């Protein structure tokens, strides 16, 4: 099962946090990160396509987020507004999410 671990687990305002993804499945073609638990365009932060190494930014992108090829998301200079849940959508080959 895929899990997300915040490193460090407690972050002060102005510091950075890495949302580290564990237990990625095989045959992954890309990832999409969302603010909160709703998967829709309004909450879409950024996406990463593995084959092309392409990064696409969404409406919820603040300029402080960096997505990595291992699906992890770095949020720099966190604010109180960043204190929420995050969702990563993992796209597998054959269109399975």
C-alpha atoms as a PDB file:
ATOM      1  CA  UNK A   1       0.000   0.000   0.000  1.00  0.00           C
ATOM      2  CA  UNK A   2       1.218   3.475  -0.915  1.00  0.00           C
ATOM      3  CA  UNK A   3       1.908   5.750   2.049  1.00  0.00           C
ATOM      4  CA  UNK A   4       3.008   9.368   2.387  1.00  0.00           C
ATOM      5  CA  UNK A   5       5.399  10.405   5.139  1.00  0.00           C
ATOM      6  CA  UNK A   6       6.093  14.022   6.041  1.00  0.00           C
ATOM      7  CA  UNK A   7       9.764  14.749   6.733  1.00  0.00           C
ATOM      8  CA  UNK A   8      10.119  16.277   9.225  1.00  0.00           C
ATOM      9  CA  UNK A   9       6.838  15.267  10.845  1.00  0.00           C
ATOM     10  CA  UNK A  10       6.468  18.650  12.576  1.00  0.00           C
ATOM     11  CA  UNK A  11       7.339  21.768  10.586  1.00  0.00           C
ATOM     12  CA  UNK A  12       7.573  25.385  11.678  1.00  0.00           C
ATOM     13  CA  UNK A  13       6.379  28.211   9.442  1.00  0.00           C
ATOM     14  CA  UNK A  14       9.064  29.231   6.988  1.00  0.00           C
ATOM     15  CA  UNK A  15      10.702  25.783   6.947  1.00  0.00           C
ATOM     16  CA  UNK A  16      10.548  23.110   4.230  1.00  0.00           C
ATOM     17  CA  UNK A  17       8.712  19.788   4.315  1.00  0.00           C
ATOM     18  CA  UNK A  18       9.114  16.760   2.057  1.00  0.00           C
ATOM     19  CA  UNK A  19       6.077  14.559   1.461  1.00  0.00           C
ATOM     20  CA  UNK A  20       7.894  11.290   0.821  1.00  0.00           C
ATOM     21  CA  UNK A  21       5.989   8.554  -1.016  1.00  0.00           C
ATOM     22  CA  UNK A  22       6.638   4.922  -0.038  1.00  0.00           C
ATOM     23  CA  UNK A  23       5.697   1.607  -1.713  1.00  0.00           C
ATOM     24  CA  UNK A  24       5.133   2.876  -5.236  1.00  0.00           C
ATOM     25  CA  UNK A  25       3.556   0.272  -7.517  1.00  0.00           C
ATOM     26  CA  UNK A  26       5.263  -0.857 -10.713  1.00  0.00           C
ATOM     27  CA  UNK A  27       4.353   0.353 -14.222  1.00  0.00           C
ATOM     28  CA  UNK A  28       3.788   3.945 -13.061  1.00  0.00           C
ATOM     29  CA  UNK A  29       3.650   6.595 -15.802  1.00  0.00           C
ATOM     30  CA  UNK A  30       3.053   9.675 -13.670  1.00  0.00           C
ATOM     31  CA  UNK A  31       1.857  11.385 -10.506  1.00  0.00           C
ATOM     32  CA  UNK A  32      -0.538  14.209  -9.732  1.00  0.00           C
ATOM     33  CA  UNK A  33      -0.536  16.064  -6.415  1.00  0.00           C
ATOM     34  CA  UNK A  34      -3.609  17.781  -4.950  1.00  0.00           C
ATOM     35  CA  UNK A  35      -4.215  20.005  -1.921  1.00  0.00           C
ATOM     36  CA  UNK A  36      -6.683  18.258   0.358  1.00  0.00           C
ATOM     37  CA  UNK A  37      -8.539  15.044  -0.375  1.00  0.00           C
ATOM     38  CA  UNK A  38     -10.534  16.184  -3.394  1.00  0.00           C
ATOM     39  CA  UNK A  39      -9.175  15.195  -6.800  1.00  0.00           C
ATOM     40  CA  UNK A  40     -10.276  18.028  -9.079  1.00  0.00           C
ATOM     41  CA  UNK A  41      -8.773  20.817 -11.156  1.00  0.00           C
ATOM     42  CA  UNK A  42      -9.204  23.488  -8.477  1.00  0.00           C
ATOM     43  CA  UNK A  43      -7.020  21.533  -6.001  1.00  0.00           C
ATOM     44  CA  UNK A  44      -4.467  20.355  -8.591  1.00  0.00           C
ATOM     45  CA  UNK A  45      -0.917  21.416  -7.615  1.00  0.00           C
ATOM     46  CA  UNK A  46       1.454  19.711 -10.025  1.00  0.00           C
ATOM     47  CA  UNK A  47       1.963  16.591 -12.116  1.00  0.00           C
ATOM     48  CA  UNK A  48       5.010  14.652 -13.244  1.00  0.00           C
ATOM     49  CA  UNK A  49       5.205  12.415 -16.317  1.00  0.00           C
ATOM     50  CA  UNK A  50       7.939   9.800 -15.959  1.00  0.00           C
ATOM     51  CA  UNK A  51       8.614   8.960 -19.636  1.00  0.00           C
ATOM     52  CA  UNK A  52       9.120  12.585 -20.684  1.00  0.00           C
ATOM     53  CA  UNK A  53      10.198  13.941 -17.258  1.00  0.00           C
ATOM     54  CA  UNK A  54       7.621  16.668 -17.849  1.00  0.00           C
ATOM     55  CA  UNK A  55       6.262  18.738 -14.969  1.00  0.00           C
ATOM     56  CA  UNK A  56       2.881  20.440 -15.330  1.00  0.00           C
ATOM     57  CA  UNK A  57       1.638  23.052 -12.866  1.00  0.00           C
ATOM     58  CA  UNK A  58      -1.998  23.396 -11.845  1.00  0.00           C
ATOM     59  CA  UNK A  59      -4.114  26.197 -10.368  1.00  0.00           C
ATOM     60  CA  UNK A  60      -3.135  25.293  -6.773  1.00  0.00           C
ATOM     61  CA  UNK A  61       0.602  25.611  -7.557  1.00  0.00           C
ATOM     62  CA  UNK A  62       2.165  28.407  -5.475  1.00  0.00           C
ATOM     63  CA  UNK A  63       5.705  28.304  -6.853  1.00  0.00           C
ATOM     64  CA  UNK A  64       6.997  26.716  -3.641  1.00  0.00           C
ATOM     65  CA  UNK A  65       6.282  23.077  -4.600  1.00  0.00           C
ATOM     66  CA  UNK A  66       8.717  20.730  -6.338  1.00  0.00           C
ATOM     67  CA  UNK A  67       7.700  17.268  -7.521  1.00  0.00           C
ATOM     68  CA  UNK A  68      10.358  14.583  -7.911  1.00  0.00           C
ATOM     69  CA  UNK A  69      10.612  11.489 -10.100  1.00  0.00           C
ATOM     70  CA  UNK A  70      10.009   9.253  -7.056  1.00  0.00           C
ATOM     71  CA  UNK A  71       6.593  10.970  -6.592  1.00  0.00           C
ATOM     72  CA  UNK A  72       7.685  12.942  -3.526  1.00  0.00           C
ATOM     73  CA  UNK A  73       6.637  16.576  -3.134  1.00  0.00           C
ATOM     74  CA  UNK A  74       8.766  19.266  -1.512  1.00  0.00           C
ATOM     75  CA  UNK A  75       6.972  22.319  -0.120  1.00  0.00           C
ATOM     76  CA  UNK A  76       9.316  25.194   0.668  1.00  0.00           C
ATOM     77  CA  UNK A  77       8.774  27.970   3.209  1.00  0.00           C
ATOM     78  CA  UNK A  78       5.551  26.483   4.541  1.00  0.00           C
ATOM     79  CA  UNK A  79       2.788  28.739   5.811  1.00  0.00           C
ATOM     80  CA  UNK A  80      -0.175  28.088   8.095  1.00  0.00           C
ATOM     81  CA  UNK A  81      -2.299  27.687   4.960  1.00  0.00           C
ATOM     82  CA  UNK A  82      -0.173  24.684   3.940  1.00  0.00           C
ATOM     83  CA  UNK A  83      -1.229  22.786   7.081  1.00  0.00           C
ATOM     84  CA  UNK A  84      -3.715  20.412   5.457  1.00  0.00           C
ATOM     85  CA  UNK A  85      -3.885  16.981   3.921  1.00  0.00           C
ATOM     86  CA  UNK A  86      -2.452  16.248   0.483  1.00  0.00           C
ATOM     87  CA  UNK A  87      -3.353  13.578  -2.054  1.00  0.00           C
ATOM     88  CA  UNK A  88      -1.116  11.974  -4.645  1.00  0.00           C
ATOM     89  CA  UNK A  89      -2.783  10.290  -7.606  1.00  0.00           C
ATOM     90  CA  UNK A  90      -0.556   7.628  -9.118  1.00  0.00           C
ATOM     91  CA  UNK A  91      -1.200   6.882 -12.790  1.00  0.00           C
ATOM     92  CA  UNK A  92      -0.250   3.389 -13.954  1.00  0.00           C
ATOM     93  CA  UNK A  93       0.078   2.032 -17.476  1.00  0.00           C
ATOM     94  CA  UNK A  94      -3.189   0.863 -18.993  1.00  0.00           C
ATOM     95  CA  UNK A  95      -4.927   3.874 -17.388  1.00  0.00           C
ATOM     96  CA  UNK A  96      -5.206   2.301 -13.953  1.00  0.00           C
ATOM     97  CA  UNK A  97      -5.058   4.838 -11.083  1.00  0.00           C
END
